[in-house]
Amino acid sequence: MPLVPDKLKPILSVSELIEYINITFSPIRLTVEGEITEIKVSQSRYLFMTLSDTKKEANVKAFALVYEIDNWSILKEGMKVKVDGRPQVFKKSGQFNFRVFSVLPSGEGALKAAYELLKNKLQ
């Protein structure tokens, strides 16, 4: 089927499309629950994670600044977590990710992890 221009439909550049997506979704804060399947700290400042459904049917790349995540040092692959953040698309790469502002352990082991974090803070 040929692409037929629609006079009512705006034509956007790639940059404009990404900007539109980010403006539309950046005010929306969401909590997402998933399992950490990959985690990496880069330059002691950036935290990169891949979060997956427990059935491993879907995953999303997540990004945070280390100084914003109090408990980043206890996070491990295989841990179930709840992350609070915003969806966004990077302009240069066009890659979708989830910008994280807080991480809480969830499910089995969450209470123990929270206890260890509190214990370490108090020491």
PDB file of N, CA and C in Angstrom:
ATOM      1  N   MET A   1       0.849  -1.169   0.000  1.00  0.00           N
ATOM      2  CA  MET A   1       0.000   0.000   0.000  1.00  0.00           C
ATOM      3  C   MET A   1       0.901   1.241   0.000  1.00  0.00           C
ATOM      4  N   PRO A   2       0.723   2.127  -0.940  1.00  0.00           N
ATOM      5  CA  PRO A   2       1.589   3.313  -1.025  1.00  0.00           C
ATOM      6  C   PRO A   2       1.313   4.297   0.109  1.00  0.00           C
ATOM      7  N   LEU A   3       2.371   5.007   0.501  1.00  0.00           N
ATOM      8  CA  LEU A   3       2.269   6.024   1.532  1.00  0.00           C
ATOM      9  C   LEU A   3       1.669   7.276   0.912  1.00  0.00           C
ATOM     10  N   VAL A   4       0.510   7.677   1.394  1.00  0.00           N
ATOM     11  CA  VAL A   4      -0.180   8.849   0.850  1.00  0.00           C
ATOM     12  C   VAL A   4      -0.113   9.962   1.889  1.00  0.00           C
ATOM     13  N   PRO A   5       0.445  11.123   1.516  1.00  0.00           N
ATOM     14  CA  PRO A   5       0.517  12.226   2.480  1.00  0.00           C
ATOM     15  C   PRO A   5      -0.876  12.664   2.927  1.00  0.00           C
ATOM     16  N   ASP A   6      -1.005  12.942   4.169  1.00  0.00           N
ATOM     17  CA  ASP A   6      -2.254  13.418   4.739  1.00  0.00           C
ATOM     18  C   ASP A   6      -2.021  14.866   5.152  1.00  0.00           C
ATOM     19  N   LYS A   7      -2.775  15.789   4.573  1.00  0.00           N
ATOM     20  CA  LYS A   7      -2.564  17.223   4.829  1.00  0.00           C
ATOM     21  C   LYS A   7      -2.774  17.591   6.300  1.00  0.00           C
ATOM     22  N   LEU A   8      -3.528  16.787   7.028  1.00  0.00           N
ATOM     23  CA  LEU A   8      -3.793  17.087   8.426  1.00  0.00           C
ATOM     24  C   LEU A   8      -2.726  16.504   9.359  1.00  0.00           C
ATOM     25  N   LYS A   9      -1.915  15.592   8.821  1.00  0.00           N
ATOM     26  CA  LYS A   9      -0.912  14.921   9.638  1.00  0.00           C
ATOM     27  C   LYS A   9       0.415  15.666   9.533  1.00  0.00           C
ATOM     28  N   PRO A  10       1.003  16.087  10.675  1.00  0.00           N
ATOM     29  CA  PRO A  10       2.293  16.780  10.597  1.00  0.00           C
ATOM     30  C   PRO A  10       3.410  15.819  10.194  1.00  0.00           C
ATOM     31  N   ILE A  11       4.383  16.341   9.501  1.00  0.00           N
ATOM     32  CA  ILE A  11       5.570  15.569   9.153  1.00  0.00           C
ATOM     33  C   ILE A  11       6.685  16.037  10.084  1.00  0.00           C
ATOM     34  N   LEU A  12       7.226  15.100  10.849  1.00  0.00           N
ATOM     35  CA  LEU A  12       8.241  15.422  11.845  1.00  0.00           C
ATOM     36  C   LEU A  12       9.602  14.913  11.407  1.00  0.00           C
ATOM     37  N   SER A  13      10.638  15.636  11.786  1.00  0.00           N
ATOM     38  CA  SER A  13      11.994  15.105  11.629  1.00  0.00           C
ATOM     39  C   SER A  13      12.203  14.090  12.747  1.00  0.00           C
ATOM     40  N   VAL A  14      13.274  13.312  12.655  1.00  0.00           N
ATOM     41  CA  VAL A  14      13.578  12.332  13.698  1.00  0.00           C
ATOM     42  C   VAL A  14      13.790  13.045  15.034  1.00  0.00           C
ATOM     43  N   SER A  15      14.530  14.148  15.023  1.00  0.00           N
ATOM     44  CA  SER A  15      14.755  14.915  16.261  1.00  0.00           C
ATOM     45  C   SER A  15      13.446  15.404  16.859  1.00  0.00           C
ATOM     46  N   GLU A  16      12.559  15.882  16.014  1.00  0.00           N
ATOM     47  CA  GLU A  16      11.262  16.379  16.492  1.00  0.00           C
ATOM     48  C   GLU A  16      10.427  15.245  17.070  1.00  0.00           C
ATOM     49  N   LEU A  17      10.490  14.070  16.450  1.00  0.00           N
ATOM     50  CA  LEU A  17       9.754  12.911  16.965  1.00  0.00           C
ATOM     51  C   LEU A  17      10.246  12.538  18.358  1.00  0.00           C
ATOM     52  N   ILE A  18      11.563  12.450  18.535  1.00  0.00           N
ATOM     53  CA  ILE A  18      12.121  12.094  19.845  1.00  0.00           C
ATOM     54  C   ILE A  18      11.787  13.166  20.880  1.00  0.00           C
ATOM     55  N   GLU A  19      11.879  14.426  20.489  1.00  0.00           N
ATOM     56  CA  GLU A  19      11.528  15.515  21.404  1.00  0.00           C
ATOM     57  C   GLU A  19      10.048  15.432  21.792  1.00  0.00           C
ATOM     58  N   TYR A  20       9.187  15.139  20.829  1.00  0.00           N
ATOM     59  CA  TYR A  20       7.750  14.997  21.094  1.00  0.00           C
ATOM     60  C   TYR A  20       7.500  13.857  22.090  1.00  0.00           C
ATOM     61  N   ILE A  21       8.151  12.717  21.879  1.00  0.00           N
ATOM     62  CA  ILE A  21       7.984  11.572  22.784  1.00  0.00           C
ATOM     63  C   ILE A  21       8.435  11.946  24.192  1.00  0.00           C
ATOM     64  N   ASN A  22       9.612  12.578  24.306  1.00  0.00           N
ATOM     65  CA  ASN A  22      10.140  12.935  25.626  1.00  0.00           C
ATOM     66  C   ASN A  22       9.282  13.990  26.317  1.00  0.00           C
ATOM     67  N   ILE A  23       8.803  14.979  25.591  1.00  0.00           N
ATOM     68  CA  ILE A  23       7.938  16.003  26.192  1.00  0.00           C
ATOM     69  C   ILE A  23       6.618  15.388  26.648  1.00  0.00           C
ATOM     70  N   THR A  24       6.101  14.469  25.855  1.00  0.00           N
ATOM     71  CA  THR A  24       4.812  13.843  26.173  1.00  0.00           C
ATOM     72  C   THR A  24       4.911  12.943  27.396  1.00  0.00           C
ATOM     73  N   PHE A  25       6.004  12.180  27.489  1.00  0.00           N
ATOM     74  CA  PHE A  25       6.098  11.179  28.550  1.00  0.00           C
ATOM     75  C   PHE A  25       6.959  11.578  29.734  1.00  0.00           C
ATOM     76  N   SER A  26       7.816  12.591  29.614  1.00  0.00           N
ATOM     77  CA  SER A  26       8.715  12.931  30.718  1.00  0.00           C
ATOM     78  C   SER A  26       8.001  13.393  31.992  1.00  0.00           C
ATOM     79  N   PRO A  27       6.824  14.014  31.908  1.00  0.00           N
ATOM     80  CA  PRO A  27       6.158  14.380  33.168  1.00  0.00           C
ATOM     81  C   PRO A  27       5.566  13.186  33.922  1.00  0.00           C
ATOM     82  N   ILE A  28       5.484  12.056  33.271  1.00  0.00           N
ATOM     83  CA  ILE A  28       4.839  10.883  33.859  1.00  0.00           C
ATOM     84  C   ILE A  28       5.855  10.067  34.649  1.00  0.00           C
ATOM     85  N   ARG A  29       5.642   9.956  35.965  1.00  0.00           N
ATOM     86  CA  ARG A  29       6.483   9.093  36.796  1.00  0.00           C
ATOM     87  C   ARG A  29       5.750   7.787  37.015  1.00  0.00           C
ATOM     88  N   LEU A  30       6.483   6.708  36.857  1.00  0.00           N
ATOM     89  CA  LEU A  30       5.908   5.376  36.976  1.00  0.00           C
ATOM     90  C   LEU A  30       6.741   4.533  37.923  1.00  0.00           C
ATOM     91  N   THR A  31       6.127   3.509  38.484  1.00  0.00           N
ATOM     92  CA  THR A  31       6.862   2.497  39.226  1.00  0.00           C
ATOM     93  C   THR A  31       6.785   1.216  38.415  1.00  0.00           C
ATOM     94  N   VAL A  32       7.940   0.635  38.156  1.00  0.00           N
ATOM     95  CA  VAL A  32       8.028  -0.591  37.368  1.00  0.00           C
ATOM     96  C   VAL A  32       8.676  -1.657  38.237  1.00  0.00           C
ATOM     97  N   GLU A  33       8.101  -2.863  38.227  1.00  0.00           N
ATOM     98  CA  GLU A  33       8.658  -3.972  38.991  1.00  0.00           C
ATOM     99  C   GLU A  33       9.247  -4.986  38.027  1.00  0.00           C
ATOM    100  N   GLY A  34      10.441  -5.432  38.332  1.00  0.00           N
ATOM    101  CA  GLY A  34      11.085  -6.421  37.488  1.00  0.00           C
ATOM    102  C   GLY A  34      12.312  -6.994  38.158  1.00  0.00           C
ATOM    103  N   GLU A  35      12.952  -7.894  37.452  1.00  0.00           N
ATOM    104  CA  GLU A  35      14.168  -8.533  37.948  1.00  0.00           C
ATOM    105  C   GLU A  35      15.375  -7.906  37.265  1.00  0.00           C
ATOM    106  N   ILE A  36      16.401  -7.613  38.044  1.00  0.00           N
ATOM    107  CA  ILE A  36      17.632  -7.084  37.468  1.00  0.00           C
ATOM    108  C   ILE A  36      18.346  -8.242  36.769  1.00  0.00           C
ATOM    109  N   THR A  37      18.477  -8.162  35.448  1.00  0.00           N
ATOM    110  CA  THR A  37      19.171  -9.217  34.712  1.00  0.00           C
ATOM    111  C   THR A  37      20.580  -8.785  34.312  1.00  0.00           C
ATOM    112  N   GLU A  38      20.837  -7.491  34.332  1.00  0.00           N
ATOM    113  CA  GLU A  38      22.189  -6.959  34.121  1.00  0.00           C
ATOM    114  C   GLU A  38      22.321  -5.706  34.969  1.00  0.00           C
ATOM    115  N   ILE A  39      23.513  -5.491  35.527  1.00  0.00           N
ATOM    116  CA  ILE A  39      23.754  -4.261  36.283  1.00  0.00           C
ATOM    117  C   ILE A  39      25.221  -3.883  36.133  1.00  0.00           C
ATOM    118  N   LYS A  40      25.464  -2.600  35.943  1.00  0.00           N
ATOM    119  CA  LYS A  40      26.828  -2.120  35.749  1.00  0.00           C
ATOM    120  C   LYS A  40      26.923  -0.686  36.233  1.00  0.00           C
ATOM    121  N   VAL A  41      28.010  -0.387  36.938  1.00  0.00           N
ATOM    122  CA  VAL A  41      28.305   0.987  37.343  1.00  0.00           C
ATOM    123  C   VAL A  41      29.454   1.462  36.457  1.00  0.00           C
ATOM    124  N   SER A  42      29.276   2.619  35.842  1.00  0.00           N
ATOM    125  CA  SER A  42      30.280   3.166  34.939  1.00  0.00           C
ATOM    126  C   SER A  42      30.828   4.472  35.499  1.00  0.00           C
ATOM    127  N   GLN A  43      32.141   4.588  35.497  1.00  0.00           N
ATOM    128  CA  GLN A  43      32.838   5.790  35.942  1.00  0.00           C
ATOM    129  C   GLN A  43      32.441   6.200  37.364  1.00  0.00           C
ATOM    130  N   SER A  44      32.007   5.259  38.167  1.00  0.00           N
ATOM    131  CA  SER A  44      31.554   5.491  39.543  1.00  0.00           C
ATOM    132  C   SER A  44      30.445   6.527  39.640  1.00  0.00           C
ATOM    133  N   ARG A  45      29.774   6.816  38.528  1.00  0.00           N
ATOM    134  CA  ARG A  45      28.719   7.846  38.525  1.00  0.00           C
ATOM    135  C   ARG A  45      27.406   7.373  37.907  1.00  0.00           C
ATOM    136  N   TYR A  46      27.480   6.429  37.004  1.00  0.00           N
ATOM    137  CA  TYR A  46      26.287   6.027  36.259  1.00  0.00           C
ATOM    138  C   TYR A  46      25.943   4.575  36.553  1.00  0.00           C
ATOM    139  N   LEU A  47      24.667   4.325  36.794  1.00  0.00           N
ATOM    140  CA  LEU A  47      24.175   2.981  37.063  1.00  0.00           C
ATOM    141  C   LEU A  47      23.311   2.553  35.879  1.00  0.00           C
ATOM    142  N   PHE A  48      23.709   1.468  35.235  1.00  0.00           N
ATOM    143  CA  PHE A  48      22.950   0.931  34.111  1.00  0.00           C
ATOM    144  C   PHE A  48      22.406  -0.433  34.508  1.00  0.00           C
ATOM    145  N   MET A  49      21.125  -0.649  34.262  1.00  0.00           N
ATOM    146  CA  MET A  49      20.486  -1.925  34.576  1.00  0.00           C
ATOM    147  C   MET A  49      19.604  -2.359  33.415  1.00  0.00           C
ATOM    148  N   THR A  50      19.418  -3.651  33.312  1.00  0.00           N
ATOM    149  CA  THR A  50      18.368  -4.186  32.458  1.00  0.00           C
ATOM    150  C   THR A  50      17.373  -4.840  33.397  1.00  0.00           C
ATOM    151  N   LEU A  51      16.110  -4.430  33.275  1.00  0.00           N
ATOM    152  CA  LEU A  51      15.035  -5.008  34.080  1.00  0.00           C
ATOM    153  C   LEU A  51      14.201  -5.912  33.182  1.00  0.00           C
ATOM    154  N   SER A  52      13.880  -7.099  33.693  1.00  0.00           N
ATOM    155  CA  SER A  52      13.108  -8.055  32.913  1.00  0.00           C
ATOM    156  C   SER A  52      11.884  -8.503  33.688  1.00  0.00           C
ATOM    157  N   ASP A  53      10.849  -8.888  32.938  1.00  0.00           N
ATOM    158  CA  ASP A  53       9.705  -9.545  33.558  1.00  0.00           C
ATOM    159  C   ASP A  53      10.187 -10.861  34.138  1.00  0.00           C
ATOM    160  N   THR A  54       9.477 -11.359  35.133  1.00  0.00           N
ATOM    161  CA  THR A  54       9.889 -12.621  35.737  1.00  0.00           C
ATOM    162  C   THR A  54       9.809 -13.766  34.727  1.00  0.00           C
ATOM    163  N   LYS A  55       8.947 -13.650  33.745  1.00  0.00           N
ATOM    164  CA  LYS A  55       8.842 -14.681  32.705  1.00  0.00           C
ATOM    165  C   LYS A  55       9.846 -14.436  31.575  1.00  0.00           C
ATOM    166  N   LYS A  56      10.639 -13.368  31.667  1.00  0.00           N
ATOM    167  CA  LYS A  56      11.664 -13.004  30.680  1.00  0.00           C
ATOM    168  C   LYS A  56      11.068 -12.741  29.296  1.00  0.00           C
ATOM    169  N   GLU A  57       9.791 -12.300  29.257  1.00  0.00           N
ATOM    170  CA  GLU A  57       9.148 -12.002  27.983  1.00  0.00           C
ATOM    171  C   GLU A  57       9.498 -10.614  27.474  1.00  0.00           C
ATOM    172  N   ALA A  58       9.889  -9.727  28.382  1.00  0.00           N
ATOM    173  CA  ALA A  58      10.190  -8.353  27.986  1.00  0.00           C
ATOM    174  C   ALA A  58      11.266  -7.801  28.908  1.00  0.00           C
ATOM    175  N   ASN A  59      12.037  -6.844  28.382  1.00  0.00           N
ATOM    176  CA  ASN A  59      13.018  -6.173  29.230  1.00  0.00           C
ATOM    177  C   ASN A  59      13.132  -4.718  28.804  1.00  0.00           C
ATOM    178  N   VAL A  60      13.689  -3.921  29.730  1.00  0.00           N
ATOM    179  CA  VAL A  60      13.887  -2.500  29.462  1.00  0.00           C
ATOM    180  C   VAL A  60      15.228  -2.085  30.062  1.00  0.00           C
ATOM    181  N   LYS A  61      15.925  -1.232  29.342  1.00  0.00           N
ATOM    182  CA  LYS A  61      17.171  -0.669  29.846  1.00  0.00           C
ATOM    183  C   LYS A  61      16.811   0.451  30.817  1.00  0.00           C
ATOM    184  N   ALA A  62      17.521   0.512  31.933  1.00  0.00           N
ATOM    185  CA  ALA A  62      17.269   1.534  32.944  1.00  0.00           C
ATOM    186  C   ALA A  62      18.586   2.241  33.265  1.00  0.00           C
ATOM    187  N   PHE A  63      18.477   3.516  33.596  1.00  0.00           N
ATOM    188  CA  PHE A  63      19.645   4.349  33.832  1.00  0.00           C
ATOM    189  C   PHE A  63      19.408   5.210  35.059  1.00  0.00           C
ATOM    190  N   ALA A  64      20.444   5.374  35.902  1.00  0.00           N
ATOM    191  CA  ALA A  64      20.344   6.241  37.083  1.00  0.00           C
ATOM    192  C   ALA A  64      21.708   6.859  37.360  1.00  0.00           C
ATOM    193  N   LEU A  65      21.691   7.935  38.111  1.00  0.00           N
ATOM    194  CA  LEU A  65      22.923   8.519  38.629  1.00  0.00           C
ATOM    195  C   LEU A  65      23.158   7.902  39.996  1.00  0.00           C
ATOM    196  N   VAL A  66      24.352   7.387  40.228  1.00  0.00           N
ATOM    197  CA  VAL A  66      24.667   6.655  41.459  1.00  0.00           C
ATOM    198  C   VAL A  66      24.319   7.467  42.699  1.00  0.00           C
ATOM    199  N   TYR A  67      24.635   8.761  42.692  1.00  0.00           N
ATOM    200  CA  TYR A  67      24.402   9.563  43.902  1.00  0.00           C
ATOM    201  C   TYR A  67      22.915   9.720  44.227  1.00  0.00           C
ATOM    202  N   GLU A  68      22.037   9.437  43.294  1.00  0.00           N
ATOM    203  CA  GLU A  68      20.593   9.532  43.552  1.00  0.00           C
ATOM    204  C   GLU A  68      20.011   8.240  44.130  1.00  0.00           C
ATOM    205  N   ILE A  69      20.758   7.149  44.042  1.00  0.00           N
ATOM    206  CA  ILE A  69      20.263   5.843  44.485  1.00  0.00           C
ATOM    207  C   ILE A  69      21.013   5.443  45.761  1.00  0.00           C
ATOM    208  N   ASP A  70      20.374   5.639  46.916  1.00  0.00           N
ATOM    209  CA  ASP A  70      21.014   5.381  48.216  1.00  0.00           C
ATOM    210  C   ASP A  70      21.522   3.952  48.363  1.00  0.00           C
ATOM    211  N   ASN A  71      20.776   3.008  47.845  1.00  0.00           N
ATOM    212  CA  ASN A  71      21.073   1.602  48.087  1.00  0.00           C
ATOM    213  C   ASN A  71      21.690   0.907  46.877  1.00  0.00           C
ATOM    214  N   TRP A  72      22.325   1.630  45.982  1.00  0.00           N
ATOM    215  CA  TRP A  72      22.840   1.032  44.746  1.00  0.00           C
ATOM    216  C   TRP A  72      23.825  -0.104  44.997  1.00  0.00           C
ATOM    217  N   SER A  73      24.576  -0.028  46.100  1.00  0.00           N
ATOM    218  CA  SER A  73      25.614  -1.029  46.348  1.00  0.00           C
ATOM    219  C   SER A  73      25.053  -2.407  46.711  1.00  0.00           C
ATOM    220  N   ILE A  74      23.799  -2.490  47.122  1.00  0.00           N
ATOM    221  CA  ILE A  74      23.221  -3.792  47.473  1.00  0.00           C
ATOM    222  C   ILE A  74      22.519  -4.453  46.290  1.00  0.00           C
ATOM    223  N   LEU A  75      22.388  -3.727  45.187  1.00  0.00           N
ATOM    224  CA  LEU A  75      21.668  -4.256  44.025  1.00  0.00           C
ATOM    225  C   LEU A  75      22.504  -5.324  43.331  1.00  0.00           C
ATOM    226  N   LYS A  76      21.853  -6.424  42.984  1.00  0.00           N
ATOM    227  CA  LYS A  76      22.536  -7.565  42.369  1.00  0.00           C
ATOM    228  C   LYS A  76      21.683  -8.133  41.239  1.00  0.00           C
ATOM    229  N   GLU A  77      22.339  -8.790  40.288  1.00  0.00           N
ATOM    230  CA  GLU A  77      21.610  -9.501  39.239  1.00  0.00           C
ATOM    231  C   GLU A  77      20.758 -10.583  39.883  1.00  0.00           C
ATOM    232  N   GLY A  78      19.550 -10.750  39.378  1.00  0.00           N
ATOM    233  CA  GLY A  78      18.621 -11.735  39.920  1.00  0.00           C
ATOM    234  C   GLY A  78      17.703 -11.169  40.985  1.00  0.00           C
ATOM    235  N   MET A  79      17.992  -9.953  41.466  1.00  0.00           N
ATOM    236  CA  MET A  79      17.172  -9.324  42.500  1.00  0.00           C
ATOM    237  C   MET A  79      15.901  -8.736  41.876  1.00  0.00           C
ATOM    238  N   LYS A  80      14.781  -8.960  42.540  1.00  0.00           N
ATOM    239  CA  LYS A  80      13.513  -8.366  42.121  1.00  0.00           C
ATOM    240  C   LYS A  80      13.413  -6.990  42.769  1.00  0.00           C
ATOM    241  N   VAL A  81      13.097  -5.969  41.972  1.00  0.00           N
ATOM    242  CA  VAL A  81      13.062  -4.596  42.470  1.00  0.00           C
ATOM    243  C   VAL A  81      11.852  -3.842  41.925  1.00  0.00           C
ATOM    244  N   LYS A  82      11.537  -2.750  42.629  1.00  0.00           N
ATOM    245  CA  LYS A  82      10.576  -1.763  42.146  1.00  0.00           C
ATOM    246  C   LYS A  82      11.371  -0.493  41.907  1.00  0.00           C
ATOM    247  N   VAL A  83      11.288   0.049  40.694  1.00  0.00           N
ATOM    248  CA  VAL A  83      12.024   1.268  40.370  1.00  0.00           C
ATOM    249  C   VAL A  83      11.018   2.376  40.049  1.00  0.00           C
ATOM    250  N   ASP A  84      11.319   3.573  40.531  1.00  0.00           N
ATOM    251  CA  ASP A  84      10.505   4.748  40.280  1.00  0.00           C
ATOM    252  C   ASP A  84      11.259   5.606  39.272  1.00  0.00           C
ATOM    253  N   GLY A  85      10.579   6.031  38.218  1.00  0.00           N
ATOM    254  CA  GLY A  85      11.267   6.837  37.221  1.00  0.00           C
ATOM    255  C   GLY A  85      10.370   7.282  36.095  1.00  0.00           C
ATOM    256  N   ARG A  86      11.033   7.660  34.999  1.00  0.00           N
ATOM    257  CA  ARG A  86      10.328   8.196  33.827  1.00  0.00           C
ATOM    258  C   ARG A  86      10.834   7.534  32.554  1.00  0.00           C
ATOM    259  N   PRO A  87       9.938   7.271  31.616  1.00  0.00           N
ATOM    260  CA  PRO A  87      10.382   6.763  30.314  1.00  0.00           C
ATOM    261  C   PRO A  87      11.014   7.896  29.506  1.00  0.00           C
ATOM    262  N   GLN A  88      12.031   7.555  28.711  1.00  0.00           N
ATOM    263  CA  GLN A  88      12.655   8.564  27.860  1.00  0.00           C
ATOM    264  C   GLN A  88      13.337   7.894  26.667  1.00  0.00           C
ATOM    265  N   VAL A  89      13.619   8.690  25.652  1.00  0.00           N
ATOM    266  CA  VAL A  89      14.353   8.227  24.479  1.00  0.00           C
ATOM    267  C   VAL A  89      15.588   9.107  24.335  1.00  0.00           C
ATOM    268  N   PHE A  90      16.770   8.468  24.201  1.00  0.00           N
ATOM    269  CA  PHE A  90      18.003   9.223  23.975  1.00  0.00           C
ATOM    270  C   PHE A  90      18.010   9.739  22.541  1.00  0.00           C
ATOM    271  N   LYS A  91      18.311  11.018  22.397  1.00  0.00           N
ATOM    272  CA  LYS A  91      18.266  11.653  21.082  1.00  0.00           C
ATOM    273  C   LYS A  91      19.308  11.079  20.118  1.00  0.00           C
ATOM    274  N   LYS A  92      20.544  10.915  20.574  1.00  0.00           N
ATOM    275  CA  LYS A  92      21.628  10.451  19.689  1.00  0.00           C
ATOM    276  C   LYS A  92      21.410   9.035  19.175  1.00  0.00           C
ATOM    277  N   SER A  93      21.023   8.122  20.089  1.00  0.00           N
ATOM    278  CA  SER A  93      20.916   6.707  19.702  1.00  0.00           C
ATOM    279  C   SER A  93      19.495   6.286  19.345  1.00  0.00           C
ATOM    280  N   GLY A  94      18.504   7.065  19.783  1.00  0.00           N
ATOM    281  CA  GLY A  94      17.121   6.665  19.574  1.00  0.00           C
ATOM    282  C   GLY A  94      16.711   5.526  20.492  1.00  0.00           C
ATOM    283  N   GLN A  95      17.538   5.207  21.473  1.00  0.00           N
ATOM    284  CA  GLN A  95      17.264   4.090  22.372  1.00  0.00           C
ATOM    285  C   GLN A  95      16.296   4.506  23.473  1.00  0.00           C
ATOM    286  N   PHE A  96      15.276   3.683  23.660  1.00  0.00           N
ATOM    287  CA  PHE A  96      14.318   3.878  24.747  1.00  0.00           C
ATOM    288  C   PHE A  96      14.936   3.353  26.036  1.00  0.00           C
ATOM    289  N   ASN A  97      14.720   4.062  27.139  1.00  0.00           N
ATOM    290  CA  ASN A  97      15.149   3.569  28.441  1.00  0.00           C
ATOM    291  C   ASN A  97      14.265   4.149  29.524  1.00  0.00           C
ATOM    292  N   PHE A  98      14.517   3.719  30.726  1.00  0.00           N
ATOM    293  CA  PHE A  98      13.758   4.175  31.886  1.00  0.00           C
ATOM    294  C   PHE A  98      14.714   4.906  32.809  1.00  0.00           C
ATOM    295  N   ARG A  99      14.507   6.194  33.028  1.00  0.00           N
ATOM    296  CA  ARG A  99      15.352   7.035  33.886  1.00  0.00           C
ATOM    297  C   ARG A  99      14.900   6.823  35.323  1.00  0.00           C
ATOM    298  N   VAL A 100      15.754   6.213  36.141  1.00  0.00           N
ATOM    299  CA  VAL A 100      15.404   5.779  37.491  1.00  0.00           C
ATOM    300  C   VAL A 100      15.813   6.824  38.527  1.00  0.00           C
ATOM    301  N   PHE A 101      14.914   7.066  39.505  1.00  0.00           N
ATOM    302  CA  PHE A 101      15.194   7.989  40.607  1.00  0.00           C
ATOM    303  C   PHE A 101      15.263   7.280  41.951  1.00  0.00           C
ATOM    304  N   SER A 102      14.666   6.087  42.059  1.00  0.00           N
ATOM    305  CA  SER A 102      14.793   5.301  43.293  1.00  0.00           C
ATOM    306  C   SER A 102      14.575   3.824  42.976  1.00  0.00           C
ATOM    307  N   VAL A 103      15.201   2.976  43.786  1.00  0.00           N
ATOM    308  CA  VAL A 103      15.105   1.528  43.630  1.00  0.00           C
ATOM    309  C   VAL A 103      14.821   0.921  44.993  1.00  0.00           C
ATOM    310  N   LEU A 104      13.816   0.069  45.066  1.00  0.00           N
ATOM    311  CA  LEU A 104      13.499  -0.651  46.302  1.00  0.00           C
ATOM    312  C   LEU A 104      13.473  -2.143  46.021  1.00  0.00           C
ATOM    313  N   PRO A 105      14.155  -2.944  46.840  1.00  0.00           N
ATOM    314  CA  PRO A 105      14.041  -4.395  46.685  1.00  0.00           C
ATOM    315  C   PRO A 105      12.579  -4.812  46.849  1.00  0.00           C
ATOM    316  N   SER A 106      12.192  -5.840  46.123  1.00  0.00           N
ATOM    317  CA  SER A 106      10.804  -6.283  46.133  1.00  0.00           C
ATOM    318  C   SER A 106      10.770  -7.798  46.261  1.00  0.00           C
ATOM    319  N   GLY A 107       9.712  -8.300  46.845  1.00  0.00           N
ATOM    320  CA  GLY A 107       9.552  -9.746  46.926  1.00  0.00           C
ATOM    321  C   GLY A 107      10.491 -10.377  47.928  1.00  0.00           C
ATOM    322  N   GLU A 108      10.831 -11.624  47.656  1.00  0.00           N
ATOM    323  CA  GLU A 108      11.673 -12.406  48.568  1.00  0.00           C
ATOM    324  C   GLU A 108      13.033 -11.746  48.747  1.00  0.00           C
ATOM    325  N   GLY A 109      13.433 -11.592  49.973  1.00  0.00           N
ATOM    326  CA  GLY A 109      14.722 -10.990  50.257  1.00  0.00           C
ATOM    327  C   GLY A 109      14.688  -9.475  50.412  1.00  0.00           C
ATOM    328  N   ALA A 110      13.552  -8.846  50.136  1.00  0.00           N
ATOM    329  CA  ALA A 110      13.453  -7.387  50.204  1.00  0.00           C
ATOM    330  C   ALA A 110      13.649  -6.885  51.634  1.00  0.00           C
ATOM    331  N   LEU A 111      13.058  -7.564  52.590  1.00  0.00           N
ATOM    332  CA  LEU A 111      13.173  -7.138  53.990  1.00  0.00           C
ATOM    333  C   LEU A 111      14.621  -7.265  54.471  1.00  0.00           C
ATOM    334  N   LYS A 112      15.270  -8.353  54.112  1.00  0.00           N
ATOM    335  CA  LYS A 112      16.670  -8.548  54.508  1.00  0.00           C
ATOM    336  C   LYS A 112      17.563  -7.474  53.888  1.00  0.00           C
ATOM    337  N   ALA A 113      17.339  -7.166  52.608  1.00  0.00           N
ATOM    338  CA  ALA A 113      18.145  -6.150  51.928  1.00  0.00           C
ATOM    339  C   ALA A 113      17.930  -4.774  52.556  1.00  0.00           C
ATOM    340  N   ALA A 114      16.683  -4.451  52.902  1.00  0.00           N
ATOM    341  CA  ALA A 114      16.378  -3.170  53.542  1.00  0.00           C
ATOM    342  C   ALA A 114      17.036  -3.096  54.916  1.00  0.00           C
ATOM    343  N   TYR A 115      17.019  -4.212  55.643  1.00  0.00           N
ATOM    344  CA  TYR A 115      17.666  -4.272  56.960  1.00  0.00           C
ATOM    345  C   TYR A 115      19.172  -4.040  56.831  1.00  0.00           C
ATOM    346  N   GLU A 116      19.803  -4.702  55.873  1.00  0.00           N
ATOM    347  CA  GLU A 116      21.249  -4.547  55.657  1.00  0.00           C
ATOM    348  C   GLU A 116      21.602  -3.114  55.288  1.00  0.00           C
ATOM    349  N   LEU A 117      20.772  -2.493  54.464  1.00  0.00           N
ATOM    350  CA  LEU A 117      21.011  -1.101  54.073  1.00  0.00           C
ATOM    351  C   LEU A 117      20.942  -0.186  55.289  1.00  0.00           C
ATOM    352  N   LEU A 118      19.922  -0.369  56.120  1.00  0.00           N
ATOM    353  CA  LEU A 118      19.779   0.442  57.319  1.00  0.00           C
ATOM    354  C   LEU A 118      20.943   0.208  58.277  1.00  0.00           C
ATOM    355  N   LYS A 119      21.314  -1.038  58.443  1.00  0.00           N
ATOM    356  CA  LYS A 119      22.428  -1.389  59.320  1.00  0.00           C
ATOM    357  C   LYS A 119      23.723  -0.712  58.840  1.00  0.00           C
ATOM    358  N   ASN A 120      23.997  -0.751  57.570  1.00  0.00           N
ATOM    359  CA  ASN A 120      25.202  -0.121  57.012  1.00  0.00           C
ATOM    360  C   ASN A 120      25.173   1.392  57.158  1.00  0.00           C
ATOM    361  N   LYS A 121      24.000   1.992  57.003  1.00  0.00           N
ATOM    362  CA  LYS A 121      23.871   3.443  57.173  1.00  0.00           C
ATOM    363  C   LYS A 121      24.163   3.865  58.603  1.00  0.00           C
ATOM    364  N   LEU A 122      23.693   3.065  59.552  1.00  0.00           N
ATOM    365  CA  LEU A 122      23.841   3.398  60.962  1.00  0.00           C
ATOM    366  C   LEU A 122      25.277   3.178  61.467  1.00  0.00           C
ATOM    367  N   GLN A 123      26.045   2.353  60.773  1.00  0.00           N
ATOM    368  CA  GLN A 123      27.413   2.059  61.232  1.00  0.00           C
ATOM    369  C   GLN A 123      28.379   3.156  60.895  1.00  0.00           C
TER     370      GLN A 123
END
